[in-house]
Amino acid sequence: MNQEETKKKRLMVVCSRDTLDGAYPSAVLAINAVRIGMDATIYYTFSGLNVIRKGVAAKLKFYPSGPLGAIPGMAQLATGIMKKKIEKAELPTLEDLLQMCQLEGVQLIGCHMAMSMFELDSKDFIEGVGIANASDFLKLAQQADITLFT
């Protein structure tokens, strides 16, 4: 077997949104990548940093697209509906899913530049989150077999 055949495939996901429909897909894809034998990393940038901030994941909302999203109170209603659907489908909460990701080997990385912009420090994040600047992320992404943006 040559080196190419034994090299693990890699998934890189960029999460730039602090919404339920921005955070869940990145975590679900990453954890499933690890479960099929890949390496997986999620790079959180801009408002996506809120996903990995201590105590924030439970407060994320779902914002309907289009004109519905502009109706006052619609985000709260849509968030409640989405959380009920998540519970009914017996999916883990986002906090639990992030913990599962880390336990199963998914790397969670915060964007250094966005942290600086929003005056955040590594102590603001859940335990185990790494920090990388854009060039470090790009070096990792160059080696990825799949790169996604959620």
N, C-alpha and C. Protein backbone atom coordinates (compact mmCIF):
# COMPACT_ATOMS: atom_id res chain seq x y z
N MET A 1 0.84 -1.18 0.00
CA MET A 1 0.00 0.00 0.00
C MET A 1 0.88 1.24 0.00
N ASN A 2 0.64 2.16 -0.91
CA ASN A 2 1.46 3.36 -0.95
C ASN A 2 0.90 4.44 -0.02
N GLN A 3 1.66 5.52 0.12
CA GLN A 3 1.29 6.59 1.06
C GLN A 3 -0.04 7.23 0.69
N GLU A 4 -0.31 7.37 -0.60
CA GLU A 4 -1.57 7.97 -1.06
C GLU A 4 -2.77 7.16 -0.62
N GLU A 5 -2.65 5.83 -0.61
CA GLU A 5 -3.76 4.97 -0.22
C GLU A 5 -4.01 4.99 1.28
N THR A 6 -2.99 5.27 2.08
CA THR A 6 -3.16 5.25 3.53
C THR A 6 -3.47 6.63 4.13
N LYS A 7 -3.30 7.69 3.35
CA LYS A 7 -3.54 9.04 3.84
C LYS A 7 -5.04 9.24 4.09
N LYS A 8 -5.36 9.76 5.28
CA LYS A 8 -6.76 10.04 5.60
C LYS A 8 -7.28 11.20 4.76
N LYS A 9 -8.51 11.09 4.32
CA LYS A 9 -9.17 12.21 3.64
C LYS A 9 -9.48 13.28 4.69
N ARG A 10 -9.53 14.55 4.24
CA ARG A 10 -9.77 15.67 5.17
C ARG A 10 -10.95 16.51 4.72
N LEU A 11 -11.74 16.91 5.70
CA LEU A 11 -12.85 17.84 5.49
C LEU A 11 -12.58 19.12 6.25
N MET A 12 -12.74 20.25 5.58
CA MET A 12 -12.66 21.56 6.21
C MET A 12 -14.02 22.22 6.01
N VAL A 13 -14.59 22.75 7.10
CA VAL A 13 -15.86 23.46 7.01
C VAL A 13 -15.65 24.85 7.58
N VAL A 14 -16.13 25.86 6.88
CA VAL A 14 -16.11 27.23 7.38
C VAL A 14 -17.53 27.56 7.84
N CYS A 15 -17.66 27.96 9.10
CA CYS A 15 -18.95 28.36 9.65
C CYS A 15 -18.88 29.86 9.95
N SER A 16 -19.65 30.65 9.21
CA SER A 16 -19.59 32.10 9.39
C SER A 16 -20.91 32.68 9.91
N ARG A 17 -21.84 31.81 10.30
CA ARG A 17 -23.14 32.28 10.76
C ARG A 17 -23.47 31.74 12.15
N ASP A 18 -24.02 32.58 12.98
CA ASP A 18 -24.41 32.15 14.33
C ASP A 18 -25.92 31.91 14.40
N THR A 19 -26.37 31.05 13.52
CA THR A 19 -27.78 30.66 13.48
C THR A 19 -27.84 29.14 13.56
N LEU A 20 -29.02 28.62 13.90
CA LEU A 20 -29.17 27.17 13.97
C LEU A 20 -28.87 26.53 12.62
N ASP A 21 -29.34 27.17 11.53
CA ASP A 21 -29.11 26.59 10.21
C ASP A 21 -27.72 26.88 9.66
N GLY A 22 -26.92 27.62 10.40
CA GLY A 22 -25.51 27.79 10.06
C GLY A 22 -24.64 26.86 10.87
N ALA A 23 -25.03 26.65 12.14
CA ALA A 23 -24.20 25.87 13.06
C ALA A 23 -24.41 24.36 12.96
N TYR A 24 -25.65 23.93 12.86
CA TYR A 24 -25.91 22.48 12.82
C TYR A 24 -25.26 21.79 11.62
N PRO A 25 -25.43 22.31 10.38
CA PRO A 25 -24.84 21.59 9.25
C PRO A 25 -23.33 21.40 9.35
N SER A 26 -22.62 22.43 9.82
CA SER A 26 -21.17 22.29 9.90
C SER A 26 -20.79 21.20 10.90
N ALA A 27 -21.45 21.17 12.05
CA ALA A 27 -21.13 20.16 13.07
C ALA A 27 -21.55 18.76 12.61
N VAL A 28 -22.72 18.65 12.01
CA VAL A 28 -23.21 17.33 11.56
C VAL A 28 -22.30 16.78 10.46
N LEU A 29 -21.92 17.61 9.51
CA LEU A 29 -21.03 17.14 8.45
C LEU A 29 -19.67 16.73 9.01
N ALA A 30 -19.13 17.54 9.92
CA ALA A 30 -17.80 17.24 10.47
C ALA A 30 -17.81 15.95 11.29
N ILE A 31 -18.79 15.77 12.15
CA ILE A 31 -18.80 14.57 12.98
C ILE A 31 -19.01 13.32 12.13
N ASN A 32 -19.81 13.45 11.08
CA ASN A 32 -20.01 12.29 10.21
C ASN A 32 -18.77 12.00 9.37
N ALA A 33 -18.02 13.03 9.02
CA ALA A 33 -16.75 12.81 8.31
C ALA A 33 -15.81 11.99 9.18
N VAL A 34 -15.70 12.36 10.46
CA VAL A 34 -14.84 11.61 11.38
C VAL A 34 -15.32 10.17 11.51
N ARG A 35 -16.62 10.00 11.57
CA ARG A 35 -17.18 8.65 11.74
C ARG A 35 -16.95 7.74 10.54
N ILE A 36 -16.69 8.33 9.37
CA ILE A 36 -16.36 7.48 8.21
C ILE A 36 -14.85 7.44 7.94
N GLY A 37 -14.08 7.91 8.94
CA GLY A 37 -12.63 7.75 8.85
C GLY A 37 -11.86 8.96 8.35
N MET A 38 -12.52 10.10 8.21
CA MET A 38 -11.83 11.31 7.74
C MET A 38 -11.35 12.14 8.93
N ASP A 39 -10.43 13.07 8.67
CA ASP A 39 -10.12 14.13 9.62
C ASP A 39 -11.08 15.27 9.31
N ALA A 40 -11.51 16.01 10.34
CA ALA A 40 -12.45 17.11 10.11
C ALA A 40 -12.11 18.30 11.00
N THR A 41 -12.24 19.48 10.42
CA THR A 41 -12.00 20.73 11.11
C THR A 41 -13.11 21.70 10.76
N ILE A 42 -13.61 22.43 11.77
CA ILE A 42 -14.56 23.52 11.53
C ILE A 42 -13.86 24.82 11.91
N TYR A 43 -13.83 25.75 10.99
CA TYR A 43 -13.20 27.06 11.18
C TYR A 43 -14.32 28.09 11.35
N TYR A 44 -14.42 28.66 12.54
CA TYR A 44 -15.48 29.62 12.86
C TYR A 44 -14.96 31.03 12.67
N THR A 45 -15.67 31.82 11.86
CA THR A 45 -15.25 33.18 11.60
C THR A 45 -16.45 34.12 11.62
N PHE A 46 -16.20 35.39 11.77
CA PHE A 46 -17.22 36.43 11.87
C PHE A 46 -18.29 36.00 12.87
N SER A 47 -19.58 36.10 12.56
CA SER A 47 -20.58 35.79 13.58
C SER A 47 -20.59 34.30 13.93
N GLY A 48 -19.98 33.47 13.11
CA GLY A 48 -19.86 32.05 13.44
C GLY A 48 -19.09 31.82 14.73
N LEU A 49 -18.24 32.77 15.13
CA LEU A 49 -17.51 32.66 16.40
C LEU A 49 -18.46 32.49 17.58
N ASN A 50 -19.66 33.06 17.47
CA ASN A 50 -20.62 32.95 18.57
C ASN A 50 -21.03 31.51 18.85
N VAL A 51 -20.95 30.65 17.86
CA VAL A 51 -21.31 29.25 18.02
C VAL A 51 -20.42 28.58 19.08
N ILE A 52 -19.15 28.98 19.13
CA ILE A 52 -18.21 28.33 20.05
C ILE A 52 -17.92 29.16 21.30
N ARG A 53 -18.66 30.25 21.47
CA ARG A 53 -18.51 31.05 22.70
C ARG A 53 -19.24 30.36 23.84
N LYS A 54 -18.67 30.44 25.02
CA LYS A 54 -19.27 29.82 26.21
C LYS A 54 -20.70 30.33 26.40
N GLY A 55 -21.65 29.40 26.55
CA GLY A 55 -23.02 29.74 26.87
C GLY A 55 -23.85 30.33 25.75
N VAL A 56 -23.33 30.43 24.54
CA VAL A 56 -24.07 31.08 23.47
C VAL A 56 -24.82 30.09 22.58
N ALA A 57 -24.30 28.90 22.39
CA ALA A 57 -24.92 27.94 21.46
C ALA A 57 -26.39 27.70 21.77
N ALA A 58 -26.75 27.66 23.03
CA ALA A 58 -28.15 27.41 23.43
C ALA A 58 -29.07 28.57 23.05
N LYS A 59 -28.49 29.74 22.80
CA LYS A 59 -29.28 30.93 22.51
C LYS A 59 -29.41 31.23 21.01
N LEU A 60 -28.78 30.41 20.18
CA LEU A 60 -28.83 30.68 18.74
C LEU A 60 -30.25 30.56 18.22
N LYS A 61 -30.56 31.34 17.21
CA LYS A 61 -31.91 31.40 16.66
C LYS A 61 -31.93 30.90 15.21
N PHE A 62 -33.15 30.72 14.73
CA PHE A 62 -33.39 30.39 13.33
C PHE A 62 -34.14 31.56 12.72
N TYR A 63 -33.60 32.14 11.65
CA TYR A 63 -34.20 33.28 10.98
C TYR A 63 -34.74 32.84 9.63
N PRO A 64 -36.05 32.87 9.44
CA PRO A 64 -36.60 32.49 8.13
C PRO A 64 -36.08 33.43 7.04
N SER A 65 -35.90 32.90 5.86
CA SER A 65 -35.43 33.73 4.75
C SER A 65 -36.61 34.47 4.11
N GLY A 66 -36.27 35.45 3.32
CA GLY A 66 -37.29 36.20 2.59
C GLY A 66 -38.10 37.13 3.47
N PRO A 67 -39.27 37.52 3.00
CA PRO A 67 -40.10 38.49 3.72
C PRO A 67 -40.54 38.01 5.11
N LEU A 68 -40.69 36.70 5.29
CA LEU A 68 -41.10 36.19 6.60
C LEU A 68 -40.12 36.59 7.70
N GLY A 69 -38.85 36.60 7.36
CA GLY A 69 -37.83 36.92 8.34
C GLY A 69 -37.90 38.35 8.84
N ALA A 70 -38.57 39.23 8.10
CA ALA A 70 -38.69 40.64 8.48
C ALA A 70 -39.86 40.91 9.42
N ILE A 71 -40.72 39.94 9.61
CA ILE A 71 -41.89 40.13 10.47
C ILE A 71 -41.44 40.10 11.93
N PRO A 72 -41.80 41.14 12.70
CA PRO A 72 -41.41 41.16 14.13
C PRO A 72 -41.89 39.90 14.86
N GLY A 73 -40.99 39.30 15.63
CA GLY A 73 -41.31 38.11 16.41
C GLY A 73 -41.18 36.80 15.64
N MET A 74 -40.95 36.89 14.33
CA MET A 74 -40.88 35.66 13.52
C MET A 74 -39.67 34.81 13.89
N ALA A 75 -38.55 35.43 14.21
CA ALA A 75 -37.36 34.65 14.57
C ALA A 75 -37.62 33.82 15.82
N GLN A 76 -38.29 34.41 16.82
CA GLN A 76 -38.58 33.66 18.04
C GLN A 76 -39.52 32.49 17.75
N LEU A 77 -40.56 32.75 16.94
CA LEU A 77 -41.50 31.69 16.58
C LEU A 77 -40.81 30.59 15.79
N ALA A 78 -40.04 30.99 14.78
CA ALA A 78 -39.34 30.01 13.94
C ALA A 78 -38.31 29.22 14.74
N THR A 79 -37.64 29.89 15.67
CA THR A 79 -36.65 29.21 16.52
C THR A 79 -37.33 28.15 17.37
N GLY A 80 -38.47 28.50 17.97
CA GLY A 80 -39.21 27.54 18.78
C GLY A 80 -39.65 26.34 17.97
N ILE A 81 -40.14 26.58 16.77
CA ILE A 81 -40.56 25.49 15.89
C ILE A 81 -39.37 24.61 15.53
N MET A 82 -38.26 25.23 15.17
CA MET A 82 -37.06 24.47 14.79
C MET A 82 -36.55 23.63 15.95
N LYS A 83 -36.52 24.20 17.15
CA LYS A 83 -36.03 23.45 18.31
C LYS A 83 -36.95 22.27 18.63
N LYS A 84 -38.26 22.43 18.43
CA LYS A 84 -39.19 21.31 18.63
C LYS A 84 -38.95 20.22 17.60
N LYS A 85 -38.67 20.62 16.36
CA LYS A 85 -38.38 19.64 15.31
C LYS A 85 -37.07 18.88 15.61
N ILE A 86 -36.08 19.60 16.11
CA ILE A 86 -34.81 18.98 16.49
C ILE A 86 -35.04 17.96 17.60
N GLU A 87 -35.83 18.35 18.59
CA GLU A 87 -36.12 17.45 19.71
C GLU A 87 -36.94 16.24 19.24
N LYS A 88 -37.95 16.47 18.41
CA LYS A 88 -38.78 15.38 17.92
C LYS A 88 -37.97 14.38 17.09
N ALA A 89 -36.99 14.89 16.35
CA ALA A 89 -36.13 14.02 15.55
C ALA A 89 -35.06 13.34 16.40
N GLU A 90 -35.07 13.63 17.69
CA GLU A 90 -34.12 13.06 18.65
C GLU A 90 -32.68 13.40 18.29
N LEU A 91 -32.48 14.62 17.83
CA LEU A 91 -31.14 15.11 17.55
C LEU A 91 -30.59 15.75 18.82
N PRO A 92 -29.28 15.73 18.97
CA PRO A 92 -28.70 16.36 20.16
C PRO A 92 -28.83 17.89 20.08
N THR A 93 -28.81 18.52 21.25
CA THR A 93 -28.76 19.98 21.25
C THR A 93 -27.44 20.39 20.60
N LEU A 94 -27.36 21.64 20.20
CA LEU A 94 -26.13 22.11 19.57
C LEU A 94 -24.94 22.01 20.54
N GLU A 95 -25.19 22.33 21.82
CA GLU A 95 -24.10 22.24 22.81
C GLU A 95 -23.59 20.80 22.91
N ASP A 96 -24.52 19.85 22.95
CA ASP A 96 -24.13 18.44 23.02
C ASP A 96 -23.42 18.00 21.74
N LEU A 97 -23.91 18.48 20.60
CA LEU A 97 -23.30 18.11 19.33
C LEU A 97 -21.87 18.62 19.23
N LEU A 98 -21.64 19.85 19.69
CA LEU A 98 -20.27 20.39 19.67
C LEU A 98 -19.36 19.58 20.58
N GLN A 99 -19.88 19.18 21.75
CA GLN A 99 -19.09 18.35 22.66
C GLN A 99 -18.79 16.99 22.03
N MET A 100 -19.79 16.41 21.37
CA MET A 100 -19.59 15.14 20.68
C MET A 100 -18.54 15.29 19.59
N CYS A 101 -18.60 16.38 18.86
CA CYS A 101 -17.60 16.64 17.81
C CYS A 101 -16.20 16.59 18.40
N GLN A 102 -16.00 17.31 19.49
CA GLN A 102 -14.67 17.35 20.10
C GLN A 102 -14.25 15.99 20.62
N LEU A 103 -15.16 15.28 21.25
CA LEU A 103 -14.83 13.96 21.79
C LEU A 103 -14.46 12.97 20.69
N GLU A 104 -15.06 13.14 19.52
CA GLU A 104 -14.80 12.21 18.41
C GLU A 104 -13.67 12.67 17.50
N GLY A 105 -13.06 13.83 17.82
CA GLY A 105 -11.86 14.24 17.09
C GLY A 105 -12.00 15.37 16.10
N VAL A 106 -13.16 16.02 16.04
CA VAL A 106 -13.30 17.18 15.16
C VAL A 106 -12.56 18.35 15.80
N GLN A 107 -11.74 19.03 15.01
CA GLN A 107 -11.04 20.22 15.50
C GLN A 107 -11.96 21.42 15.31
N LEU A 108 -12.14 22.20 16.38
CA LEU A 108 -12.90 23.44 16.32
C LEU A 108 -11.89 24.58 16.42
N ILE A 109 -11.90 25.48 15.43
CA ILE A 109 -10.91 26.55 15.37
C ILE A 109 -11.60 27.89 15.19
N GLY A 110 -11.20 28.86 16.01
CA GLY A 110 -11.70 30.22 15.88
C GLY A 110 -10.76 31.06 15.04
N CYS A 111 -11.32 31.98 14.26
CA CYS A 111 -10.56 32.88 13.41
C CYS A 111 -9.96 34.01 14.24
N HIS A 112 -8.64 34.11 14.22
CA HIS A 112 -7.93 35.11 15.02
C HIS A 112 -8.33 36.54 14.62
N MET A 113 -8.43 36.82 13.34
CA MET A 113 -8.76 38.17 12.89
C MET A 113 -10.15 38.58 13.38
N ALA A 114 -11.13 37.68 13.23
CA ALA A 114 -12.49 37.99 13.68
C ALA A 114 -12.52 38.16 15.20
N MET A 115 -11.73 37.34 15.90
CA MET A 115 -11.65 37.49 17.36
C MET A 115 -11.16 38.89 17.72
N SER A 116 -10.14 39.35 17.02
CA SER A 116 -9.61 40.69 17.27
C SER A 116 -10.66 41.76 16.97
N MET A 117 -11.36 41.60 15.87
CA MET A 117 -12.40 42.56 15.49
C MET A 117 -13.48 42.68 16.56
N PHE A 118 -13.88 41.53 17.10
CA PHE A 118 -14.96 41.50 18.08
C PHE A 118 -14.47 41.53 19.52
N GLU A 119 -13.16 41.79 19.68
CA GLU A 119 -12.54 41.90 21.00
C GLU A 119 -12.81 40.67 21.87
N LEU A 120 -12.59 39.51 21.27
CA LEU A 120 -12.75 38.24 21.98
C LEU A 120 -11.38 37.66 22.28
N ASP A 121 -11.34 36.84 23.31
CA ASP A 121 -10.12 36.18 23.75
C ASP A 121 -10.39 34.68 23.79
N SER A 122 -9.36 33.87 23.77
CA SER A 122 -9.54 32.42 23.79
C SER A 122 -10.35 31.96 25.00
N LYS A 123 -10.29 32.70 26.10
CA LYS A 123 -11.05 32.30 27.30
C LYS A 123 -12.57 32.49 27.11
N ASP A 124 -12.98 33.19 26.04
CA ASP A 124 -14.39 33.38 25.75
C ASP A 124 -15.03 32.15 25.11
N PHE A 125 -14.19 31.19 24.69
CA PHE A 125 -14.68 30.04 23.95
C PHE A 125 -14.78 28.78 24.82
N ILE A 126 -15.58 27.83 24.34
CA ILE A 126 -15.67 26.55 25.03
C ILE A 126 -14.29 25.92 25.05
N GLU A 127 -14.09 25.06 26.00
CA GLU A 127 -12.78 24.41 26.17
C GLU A 127 -12.41 23.60 24.93
N GLY A 128 -11.13 23.68 24.56
CA GLY A 128 -10.61 22.87 23.47
C GLY A 128 -10.60 23.53 22.11
N VAL A 129 -11.09 24.77 22.01
CA VAL A 129 -11.11 25.46 20.73
C VAL A 129 -9.72 26.00 20.41
N GLY A 130 -9.25 25.75 19.21
CA GLY A 130 -7.98 26.28 18.76
C GLY A 130 -8.17 27.64 18.10
N ILE A 131 -7.10 28.33 17.88
CA ILE A 131 -7.13 29.65 17.25
C ILE A 131 -6.19 29.62 16.05
N ALA A 132 -6.63 30.17 14.92
CA ALA A 132 -5.77 30.22 13.73
C ALA A 132 -6.08 31.47 12.92
N ASN A 133 -5.05 32.02 12.31
CA ASN A 133 -5.29 33.16 11.42
C ASN A 133 -5.65 32.63 10.03
N ALA A 134 -5.98 33.54 9.14
CA ALA A 134 -6.44 33.14 7.82
C ALA A 134 -5.40 32.33 7.05
N SER A 135 -4.14 32.72 7.15
CA SER A 135 -3.12 31.98 6.39
C SER A 135 -2.95 30.56 6.93
N ASP A 136 -3.07 30.40 8.25
CA ASP A 136 -3.01 29.04 8.82
C ASP A 136 -4.18 28.20 8.34
N PHE A 137 -5.37 28.82 8.31
CA PHE A 137 -6.54 28.10 7.80
C PHE A 137 -6.33 27.69 6.35
N LEU A 138 -5.81 28.61 5.54
CA LEU A 138 -5.61 28.30 4.13
C LEU A 138 -4.60 27.18 3.93
N LYS A 139 -3.60 27.11 4.78
CA LYS A 139 -2.64 26.01 4.70
C LYS A 139 -3.33 24.68 4.98
N LEU A 140 -4.23 24.68 5.96
CA LEU A 140 -5.00 23.47 6.25
C LEU A 140 -5.95 23.15 5.10
N ALA A 141 -6.61 24.18 4.58
CA ALA A 141 -7.59 23.98 3.51
C ALA A 141 -6.93 23.47 2.23
N GLN A 142 -5.67 23.86 1.98
CA GLN A 142 -4.95 23.36 0.80
C GLN A 142 -4.80 21.85 0.85
N GLN A 143 -4.74 21.31 2.04
CA GLN A 143 -4.55 19.86 2.20
C GLN A 143 -5.87 19.11 2.29
N ALA A 144 -6.99 19.85 2.32
CA ALA A 144 -8.30 19.21 2.45
C ALA A 144 -8.75 18.60 1.13
N ASP A 145 -9.46 17.50 1.25
CA ASP A 145 -10.05 16.88 0.08
C ASP A 145 -11.41 17.52 -0.23
N ILE A 146 -12.06 18.01 0.82
CA ILE A 146 -13.36 18.68 0.69
C ILE A 146 -13.34 19.92 1.56
N THR A 147 -13.75 21.06 1.02
CA THR A 147 -13.91 22.28 1.80
C THR A 147 -15.31 22.82 1.56
N LEU A 148 -16.04 23.06 2.65
CA LEU A 148 -17.43 23.53 2.57
C LEU A 148 -17.60 24.82 3.36
N PHE A 149 -18.63 25.56 3.01
CA PHE A 149 -18.93 26.83 3.66
C PHE A 149 -20.39 26.78 4.10
N THR A 150 -20.65 26.91 5.40
CA THR A 150 -22.05 26.88 5.87
C THR A 150 -22.44 28.22 6.42
